[in-house]
């Protein structure tokens, strides 16, 4: 039986401001990471393929974005506001 991640997502999402998807285009299928910003501006980078395992935490969006770009990830177009998803 598969467990749903919906309750955990909804609980965590109450702390989030926005999230973005980032892809490493070198691999196929692309390696996907999710950048999540909380209400205070702290950003976490999660590995989607590893069950949303925490990869890195940064104090702000600029630092998180720089880390992703340095590792040659490309942002999937657009940000998703949590209020629009939940």
PDB file of N, CA and C in Angstrom:
ATOM      1  N   UNK A   1       0.836  -1.170   0.000  1.00  0.00           N
ATOM      2  CA  UNK A   1       0.000   0.000   0.000  1.00  0.00           C
ATOM      3  C   UNK A   1       0.888   1.243   0.000  1.00  0.00           C
ATOM      4  N   UNK A   2       0.578   2.202  -0.864  1.00  0.00           N
ATOM      5  CA  UNK A   2       1.342   3.439  -0.943  1.00  0.00           C
ATOM      6  C   UNK A   2       0.800   4.449   0.062  1.00  0.00           C
ATOM      7  N   UNK A   3       1.711   5.143   0.704  1.00  0.00           N
ATOM      8  CA  UNK A   3       1.298   6.189   1.615  1.00  0.00           C
ATOM      9  C   UNK A   3       1.238   7.511   0.869  1.00  0.00           C
ATOM     10  N   UNK A   4       0.263   8.304   1.204  1.00  0.00           N
ATOM     11  CA  UNK A   4       0.106   9.608   0.564  1.00  0.00           C
ATOM     12  C   UNK A   4       1.002  10.624   1.246  1.00  0.00           C
ATOM     13  N   UNK A   5       1.625  11.489   0.436  1.00  0.00           N
ATOM     14  CA  UNK A   5       2.445  12.572   0.974  1.00  0.00           C
ATOM     15  C   UNK A   5       1.625  13.845   1.148  1.00  0.00           C
ATOM     16  N   UNK A   6       0.349  13.810   0.811  1.00  0.00           N
ATOM     17  CA  UNK A   6      -0.481  15.013   0.841  1.00  0.00           C
ATOM     18  C   UNK A   6      -0.584  15.620   2.239  1.00  0.00           C
ATOM     19  N   UNK A   7      -0.892  14.861   3.296  1.00  0.00           N
ATOM     20  CA  UNK A   7      -0.970  15.491   4.626  1.00  0.00           C
ATOM     21  C   UNK A   7       0.355  16.134   5.046  1.00  0.00           C
ATOM     22  N   UNK A   8       1.466  15.468   4.816  1.00  0.00           N
ATOM     23  CA  UNK A   8       2.768  16.028   5.177  1.00  0.00           C
ATOM     24  C   UNK A   8       3.048  17.284   4.369  1.00  0.00           C
ATOM     25  N   UNK A   9       2.713  17.272   3.089  1.00  0.00           N
ATOM     26  CA  UNK A   9       2.912  18.434   2.231  1.00  0.00           C
ATOM     27  C   UNK A   9       2.083  19.611   2.734  1.00  0.00           C
ATOM     28  N   UNK A  10       0.820  19.374   3.030  1.00  0.00           N
ATOM     29  CA  UNK A  10      -0.065  20.442   3.492  1.00  0.00           C
ATOM     30  C   UNK A  10       0.433  21.028   4.816  1.00  0.00           C
ATOM     31  N   UNK A  11       0.925  20.184   5.710  1.00  0.00           N
ATOM     32  CA  UNK A  11       1.433  20.659   7.000  1.00  0.00           C
ATOM     33  C   UNK A  11       2.679  21.511   6.803  1.00  0.00           C
ATOM     34  N   UNK A  12       3.622  21.051   5.989  1.00  0.00           N
ATOM     35  CA  UNK A  12       4.848  21.795   5.742  1.00  0.00           C
ATOM     36  C   UNK A  12       4.570  23.080   4.968  1.00  0.00           C
ATOM     37  N   UNK A  13       3.626  23.003   4.034  1.00  0.00           N
ATOM     38  CA  UNK A  13       3.351  24.143   3.159  1.00  0.00           C
ATOM     39  C   UNK A  13       2.883  25.372   3.922  1.00  0.00           C
ATOM     40  N   UNK A  14       2.354  25.202   5.112  1.00  0.00           N
ATOM     41  CA  UNK A  14       1.901  26.360   5.884  1.00  0.00           C
ATOM     42  C   UNK A  14       3.079  27.255   6.292  1.00  0.00           C
ATOM     43  N   UNK A  15       4.307  26.722   6.248  1.00  0.00           N
ATOM     44  CA  UNK A  15       5.496  27.493   6.592  1.00  0.00           C
ATOM     45  C   UNK A  15       6.194  28.070   5.363  1.00  0.00           C
ATOM     46  N   UNK A  16       5.798  27.625   4.176  1.00  0.00           N
ATOM     47  CA  UNK A  16       6.471  28.010   2.944  1.00  0.00           C
ATOM     48  C   UNK A  16       5.915  29.300   2.366  1.00  0.00           C
ATOM     49  N   UNK A  17       6.764  30.038   1.682  1.00  0.00           N
ATOM     50  CA  UNK A  17       6.343  31.217   0.946  1.00  0.00           C
ATOM     51  C   UNK A  17       6.195  30.863  -0.539  1.00  0.00           C
ATOM     52  N   UNK A  18       7.218  30.220  -1.110  1.00  0.00           N
ATOM     53  CA  UNK A  18       7.154  29.766  -2.502  1.00  0.00           C
ATOM     54  C   UNK A  18       8.123  28.611  -2.694  1.00  0.00           C
ATOM     55  N   UNK A  19       7.983  27.938  -3.828  1.00  0.00           N
ATOM     56  CA  UNK A  19       8.970  26.940  -4.199  1.00  0.00           C
ATOM     57  C   UNK A  19       9.201  26.974  -5.697  1.00  0.00           C
ATOM     58  N   UNK A  20      10.377  26.481  -6.091  1.00  0.00           N
ATOM     59  CA  UNK A  20      10.776  26.419  -7.490  1.00  0.00           C
ATOM     60  C   UNK A  20      11.326  25.034  -7.781  1.00  0.00           C
ATOM     61  N   UNK A  21      11.223  24.621  -9.015  1.00  0.00           N
ATOM     62  CA  UNK A  21      11.836  23.379  -9.456  1.00  0.00           C
ATOM     63  C   UNK A  21      13.076  23.712 -10.270  1.00  0.00           C
ATOM     64  N   UNK A  22      14.151  22.968 -10.015  1.00  0.00           N
ATOM     65  CA  UNK A  22      15.416  23.145 -10.712  1.00  0.00           C
ATOM     66  C   UNK A  22      15.830  21.798 -11.302  1.00  0.00           C
ATOM     67  N   UNK A  23      16.369  21.818 -12.523  1.00  0.00           N
ATOM     68  CA  UNK A  23      16.741  20.589 -13.218  1.00  0.00           C
ATOM     69  C   UNK A  23      18.205  20.625 -13.638  1.00  0.00           C
ATOM     70  N   UNK A  24      18.844  19.465 -13.567  1.00  0.00           N
ATOM     71  CA  UNK A  24      20.193  19.297 -14.104  1.00  0.00           C
ATOM     72  C   UNK A  24      20.024  18.705 -15.499  1.00  0.00           C
ATOM     73  N   UNK A  25      20.170  19.509 -16.551  1.00  0.00           N
ATOM     74  CA  UNK A  25      19.873  19.051 -17.901  1.00  0.00           C
ATOM     75  C   UNK A  25      20.897  18.079 -18.481  1.00  0.00           C
ATOM     76  N   UNK A  26      22.005  17.822 -17.768  1.00  0.00           N
ATOM     77  CA  UNK A  26      23.026  16.907 -18.263  1.00  0.00           C
ATOM     78  C   UNK A  26      22.520  15.466 -18.247  1.00  0.00           C
ATOM     79  N   UNK A  27      21.719  15.133 -17.257  1.00  0.00           N
ATOM     80  CA  UNK A  27      21.213  13.771 -17.098  1.00  0.00           C
ATOM     81  C   UNK A  27      19.881  13.598 -17.804  1.00  0.00           C
ATOM     82  N   UNK A  28      19.596  12.370 -18.204  1.00  0.00           N
ATOM     83  CA  UNK A  28      18.256  12.056 -18.699  1.00  0.00           C
ATOM     84  C   UNK A  28      17.801  10.767 -18.049  1.00  0.00           C
ATOM     85  N   UNK A  29      16.680  10.785 -17.365  1.00  0.00           N
ATOM     86  CA  UNK A  29      15.866  11.977 -17.139  1.00  0.00           C
ATOM     87  C   UNK A  29      16.604  12.951 -16.229  1.00  0.00           C
ATOM     88  N   UNK A  30      16.240  14.229 -16.317  1.00  0.00           N
ATOM     89  CA  UNK A  30      16.963  15.242 -15.538  1.00  0.00           C
ATOM     90  C   UNK A  30      16.828  15.013 -14.045  1.00  0.00           C
ATOM     91  N   UNK A  31      17.904  15.313 -13.314  1.00  0.00           N
ATOM     92  CA  UNK A  31      17.863  15.284 -11.854  1.00  0.00           C
ATOM     93  C   UNK A  31      17.114  16.531 -11.419  1.00  0.00           C
ATOM     94  N   UNK A  32      16.100  16.368 -10.584  1.00  0.00           N
ATOM     95  CA  UNK A  32      15.245  17.482 -10.165  1.00  0.00           C
ATOM     96  C   UNK A  32      15.442  17.795  -8.690  1.00  0.00           C
ATOM     97  N   UNK A  33      15.593  19.074  -8.398  1.00  0.00           N
ATOM     98  CA  UNK A  33      15.647  19.559  -7.028  1.00  0.00           C
ATOM     99  C   UNK A  33      14.542  20.594  -6.851  1.00  0.00           C
ATOM    100  N   UNK A  34      14.096  20.750  -5.622  1.00  0.00           N
ATOM    101  CA  UNK A  34      13.079  21.742  -5.311  1.00  0.00           C
ATOM    102  C   UNK A  34      13.664  22.720  -4.302  1.00  0.00           C
ATOM    103  N   UNK A  35      13.601  24.009  -4.629  1.00  0.00           N
ATOM    104  CA  UNK A  35      14.018  25.066  -3.726  1.00  0.00           C
ATOM    105  C   UNK A  35      12.754  25.575  -3.034  1.00  0.00           C
ATOM    106  N   UNK A  36      12.772  25.561  -1.710  1.00  0.00           N
ATOM    107  CA  UNK A  36      11.623  25.999  -0.928  1.00  0.00           C
ATOM    108  C   UNK A  36      12.058  27.158  -0.038  1.00  0.00           C
ATOM    109  N   UNK A  37      11.326  28.268  -0.139  1.00  0.00           N
ATOM    110  CA  UNK A  37      11.589  29.420   0.718  1.00  0.00           C
ATOM    111  C   UNK A  37      10.510  29.488   1.792  1.00  0.00           C
ATOM    112  N   UNK A  38      10.932  29.645   3.042  1.00  0.00           N
ATOM    113  CA  UNK A  38       9.932  29.775   4.102  1.00  0.00           C
ATOM    114  C   UNK A  38       9.571  31.241   4.304  1.00  0.00           C
ATOM    115  N   UNK A  39       8.685  31.508   5.215  1.00  0.00           N
ATOM    116  CA  UNK A  39       8.186  32.861   5.451  1.00  0.00           C
ATOM    117  C   UNK A  39       9.286  33.820   5.920  1.00  0.00           C
ATOM    118  N   UNK A  40      10.354  33.295   6.533  1.00  0.00           N
ATOM    119  CA  UNK A  40      11.458  34.136   7.014  1.00  0.00           C
ATOM    120  C   UNK A  40      12.535  34.334   5.957  1.00  0.00           C
ATOM    121  N   UNK A  41      12.429  33.663   4.803  1.00  0.00           N
ATOM    122  CA  UNK A  41      13.416  33.817   3.742  1.00  0.00           C
ATOM    123  C   UNK A  41      14.474  32.738   3.691  1.00  0.00           C
ATOM    124  N   UNK A  42      14.500  31.835   4.670  1.00  0.00           N
ATOM    125  CA  UNK A  42      15.433  30.713   4.632  1.00  0.00           C
ATOM    126  C   UNK A  42      15.026  29.790   3.497  1.00  0.00           C
ATOM    127  N   UNK A  43      16.016  29.302   2.748  1.00  0.00           N
ATOM    128  CA  UNK A  43      15.727  28.432   1.613  1.00  0.00           C
ATOM    129  C   UNK A  43      16.323  27.046   1.833  1.00  0.00           C
ATOM    130  N   UNK A  44      15.551  26.055   1.507  1.00  0.00           N
ATOM    131  CA  UNK A  44      15.995  24.666   1.580  1.00  0.00           C
ATOM    132  C   UNK A  44      15.941  24.076   0.185  1.00  0.00           C
ATOM    133  N   UNK A  45      16.911  23.220  -0.107  1.00  0.00           N
ATOM    134  CA  UNK A  45      16.944  22.524  -1.389  1.00  0.00           C
ATOM    135  C   UNK A  45      16.696  21.057  -1.095  1.00  0.00           C
ATOM    136  N   UNK A  46      15.677  20.509  -1.752  1.00  0.00           N
ATOM    137  CA  UNK A  46      15.240  19.134  -1.520  1.00  0.00           C
ATOM    138  C   UNK A  46      15.428  18.309  -2.779  1.00  0.00           C
ATOM    139  N   UNK A  47      15.804  17.040  -2.608  1.00  0.00           N
ATOM    140  CA  UNK A  47      15.973  16.113  -3.723  1.00  0.00           C
ATOM    141  C   UNK A  47      14.664  15.363  -3.933  1.00  0.00           C
ATOM    142  N   UNK A  48      14.000  15.601  -5.058  1.00  0.00           N
ATOM    143  CA  UNK A  48      12.708  14.980  -5.319  1.00  0.00           C
ATOM    144  C   UNK A  48      12.820  13.465  -5.455  1.00  0.00           C
ATOM    145  N   UNK A  49      13.886  12.984  -6.091  1.00  0.00           N
ATOM    146  CA  UNK A  49      14.049  11.549  -6.330  1.00  0.00           C
ATOM    147  C   UNK A  49      14.356  10.768  -5.058  1.00  0.00           C
ATOM    148  N   UNK A  50      14.794  11.457  -4.028  1.00  0.00           N
ATOM    149  CA  UNK A  50      15.146  10.808  -2.764  1.00  0.00           C
ATOM    150  C   UNK A  50      14.088  11.066  -1.700  1.00  0.00           C
ATOM    151  N   UNK A  51      12.841  11.195  -2.125  1.00  0.00           N
ATOM    152  CA  UNK A  51      11.761  11.388  -1.166  1.00  0.00           C
ATOM    153  C   UNK A  51      11.805  12.738  -0.480  1.00  0.00           C
ATOM    154  N   UNK A  52      12.208  13.777  -1.206  1.00  0.00           N
ATOM    155  CA  UNK A  52      12.281  15.141  -0.673  1.00  0.00           C
ATOM    156  C   UNK A  52      13.325  15.279   0.436  1.00  0.00           C
ATOM    157  N   UNK A  53      14.392  14.512   0.320  1.00  0.00           N
ATOM    158  CA  UNK A  53      15.485  14.579   1.292  1.00  0.00           C
ATOM    159  C   UNK A  53      16.162  15.950   1.203  1.00  0.00           C
ATOM    160  N   UNK A  54      16.469  16.519   2.361  1.00  0.00           N
ATOM    161  CA  UNK A  54      17.145  17.806   2.429  1.00  0.00           C
ATOM    162  C   UNK A  54      18.566  17.671   1.890  1.00  0.00           C
ATOM    163  N   UNK A  55      18.908  18.526   0.924  1.00  0.00           N
ATOM    164  CA  UNK A  55      20.242  18.538   0.329  1.00  0.00           C
ATOM    165  C   UNK A  55      21.081  19.655   0.941  1.00  0.00           C
ATOM    166  N   UNK A  56      20.475  20.845   1.083  1.00  0.00           N
ATOM    167  CA  UNK A  56      21.218  22.019   1.519  1.00  0.00           C
ATOM    168  C   UNK A  56      20.245  23.044   2.083  1.00  0.00           C
ATOM    169  N   UNK A  57      20.708  23.840   3.042  1.00  0.00           N
ATOM    170  CA  UNK A  57      19.936  24.963   3.584  1.00  0.00           C
ATOM    171  C   UNK A  57      20.770  26.232   3.416  1.00  0.00           C
ATOM    172  N   UNK A  58      20.111  27.302   2.993  1.00  0.00           N
ATOM    173  CA  UNK A  58      20.777  28.593   2.812  1.00  0.00           C
ATOM    174  C   UNK A  58      19.978  29.665   3.544  1.00  0.00           C
ATOM    175  N   UNK A  59      20.668  30.703   3.991  1.00  0.00           N
ATOM    176  CA  UNK A  59      20.033  31.777   4.756  1.00  0.00           C
ATOM    177  C   UNK A  59      19.104  32.635   3.918  1.00  0.00           C
ATOM    178  N   UNK A  60      19.316  32.644   2.581  1.00  0.00           N
ATOM    179  CA  UNK A  60      18.480  33.484   1.729  1.00  0.00           C
ATOM    180  C   UNK A  60      18.404  32.915   0.315  1.00  0.00           C
ATOM    181  N   UNK A  61      17.529  33.501  -0.473  1.00  0.00           N
ATOM    182  CA  UNK A  61      17.300  33.022  -1.838  1.00  0.00           C
ATOM    183  C   UNK A  61      18.536  33.190  -2.715  1.00  0.00           C
ATOM    184  N   UNK A  62      19.220  34.302  -2.599  1.00  0.00           N
ATOM    185  CA  UNK A  62      20.386  34.557  -3.442  1.00  0.00           C
ATOM    186  C   UNK A  62      21.465  33.487  -3.249  1.00  0.00           C
ATOM    187  N   UNK A  63      21.706  33.096  -2.019  1.00  0.00           N
ATOM    188  CA  UNK A  63      22.713  32.063  -1.738  1.00  0.00           C
ATOM    189  C   UNK A  63      22.274  30.710  -2.291  1.00  0.00           C
ATOM    190  N   UNK A  64      21.004  30.380  -2.130  1.00  0.00           N
ATOM    191  CA  UNK A  64      20.488  29.105  -2.648  1.00  0.00           C
ATOM    192  C   UNK A  64      20.558  29.075  -4.170  1.00  0.00           C
ATOM    193  N   UNK A  65      20.158  30.171  -4.797  1.00  0.00           N
ATOM    194  CA  UNK A  65      20.190  30.259  -6.256  1.00  0.00           C
ATOM    195  C   UNK A  65      21.633  30.153  -6.767  1.00  0.00           C
ATOM    196  N   UNK A  66      22.560  30.825  -6.120  1.00  0.00           N
ATOM    197  CA  UNK A  66      23.968  30.770  -6.526  1.00  0.00           C
ATOM    198  C   UNK A  66      24.497  29.339  -6.439  1.00  0.00           C
ATOM    199  N   UNK A  67      24.137  28.614  -5.382  1.00  0.00           N
ATOM    200  CA  UNK A  67      24.586  27.227  -5.221  1.00  0.00           C
ATOM    201  C   UNK A  67      24.061  26.362  -6.362  1.00  0.00           C
ATOM    202  N   UNK A  68      22.800  26.525  -6.705  1.00  0.00           N
ATOM    203  CA  UNK A  68      22.202  25.736  -7.792  1.00  0.00           C
ATOM    204  C   UNK A  68      22.848  26.068  -9.133  1.00  0.00           C
ATOM    205  N   UNK A  69      23.036  27.339  -9.410  1.00  0.00           N
ATOM    206  CA  UNK A  69      23.648  27.753 -10.678  1.00  0.00           C
ATOM    207  C   UNK A  69      25.092  27.255 -10.760  1.00  0.00           C
ATOM    208  N   UNK A  70      25.816  27.335  -9.645  1.00  0.00           N
ATOM    209  CA  UNK A  70      27.197  26.859  -9.615  1.00  0.00           C
ATOM    210  C   UNK A  70      27.265  25.370  -9.956  1.00  0.00           C
ATOM    211  N   UNK A  71      26.272  24.604  -9.505  1.00  0.00           N
ATOM    212  CA  UNK A  71      26.220  23.169  -9.803  1.00  0.00           C
ATOM    213  C   UNK A  71      25.526  22.883 -11.141  1.00  0.00           C
ATOM    214  N   UNK A  72      25.323  23.932 -11.931  1.00  0.00           N
ATOM    215  CA  UNK A  72      24.798  23.856 -13.293  1.00  0.00           C
ATOM    216  C   UNK A  72      23.348  23.386 -13.393  1.00  0.00           C
ATOM    217  N   UNK A  73      22.563  23.689 -12.358  1.00  0.00           N
ATOM    218  CA  UNK A  73      21.121  23.448 -12.427  1.00  0.00           C
ATOM    219  C   UNK A  73      20.474  24.629 -13.132  1.00  0.00           C
ATOM    220  N   UNK A  74      19.361  24.358 -13.785  1.00  0.00           N
ATOM    221  CA  UNK A  74      18.596  25.407 -14.449  1.00  0.00           C
ATOM    222  C   UNK A  74      17.195  25.426 -13.862  1.00  0.00           C
ATOM    223  N   UNK A  75      16.713  26.634 -13.592  1.00  0.00           N
ATOM    224  CA  UNK A  75      15.388  26.770 -13.002  1.00  0.00           C
ATOM    225  C   UNK A  75      14.314  26.457 -14.028  1.00  0.00           C
ATOM    226  N   UNK A  76      13.358  25.653 -13.620  1.00  0.00           N
ATOM    227  CA  UNK A  76      12.180  25.417 -14.435  1.00  0.00           C
ATOM    228  C   UNK A  76      11.363  26.699 -14.356  1.00  0.00           C
ATOM    229  N   UNK A  77      10.882  27.176 -15.463  1.00  0.00           N
ATOM    230  CA  UNK A  77      10.249  28.496 -15.549  1.00  0.00           C
ATOM    231  C   UNK A  77       9.157  28.708 -14.507  1.00  0.00           C
ATOM    232  N   UNK A  78       9.260  29.822 -13.778  1.00  0.00           N
ATOM    233  CA  UNK A  78       8.208  30.263 -12.869  1.00  0.00           C
ATOM    234  C   UNK A  78       8.364  29.790 -11.438  1.00  0.00           C
ATOM    235  N   UNK A  79       7.739  30.529 -10.541  1.00  0.00           N
ATOM    236  CA  UNK A  79       7.650  30.164  -9.133  1.00  0.00           C
ATOM    237  C   UNK A  79       6.219  29.754  -8.858  1.00  0.00           C
ATOM    238  N   UNK A  80       6.053  28.870  -7.913  1.00  0.00           N
ATOM    239  CA  UNK A  80       4.716  28.443  -7.510  1.00  0.00           C
ATOM    240  C   UNK A  80       4.479  28.937  -6.081  1.00  0.00           C
ATOM    241  N   UNK A  81       3.504  29.796  -5.918  1.00  0.00           N
ATOM    242  CA  UNK A  81       3.163  30.266  -4.577  1.00  0.00           C
ATOM    243  C   UNK A  81       2.392  29.174  -3.864  1.00  0.00           C
ATOM    244  N   UNK A  82       2.750  28.925  -2.632  1.00  0.00           N
ATOM    245  CA  UNK A  82       2.093  27.877  -1.860  1.00  0.00           C
ATOM    246  C   UNK A  82       0.588  28.120  -1.794  1.00  0.00           C
ATOM    247  N   UNK A  83       0.196  29.360  -1.637  1.00  0.00           N
ATOM    248  CA  UNK A  83      -1.237  29.684  -1.550  1.00  0.00           C
ATOM    249  C   UNK A  83      -2.000  29.244  -2.802  1.00  0.00           C
ATOM    250  N   UNK A  84      -1.330  29.175  -3.938  1.00  0.00           N
ATOM    251  CA  UNK A  84      -1.986  28.755  -5.174  1.00  0.00           C
ATOM    252  C   UNK A  84      -2.078  27.243  -5.292  1.00  0.00           C
ATOM    253  N   UNK A  85      -1.235  26.535  -4.573  1.00  0.00           N
ATOM    254  CA  UNK A  85      -1.167  25.075  -4.684  1.00  0.00           C
ATOM    255  C   UNK A  85      -2.018  24.389  -3.621  1.00  0.00           C
ATOM    256  N   UNK A  86      -1.946  24.897  -2.391  1.00  0.00           N
ATOM    257  CA  UNK A  86      -2.630  24.245  -1.267  1.00  0.00           C
ATOM    258  C   UNK A  86      -4.042  24.757  -1.136  1.00  0.00           C
TER     259      UNK A  86
END
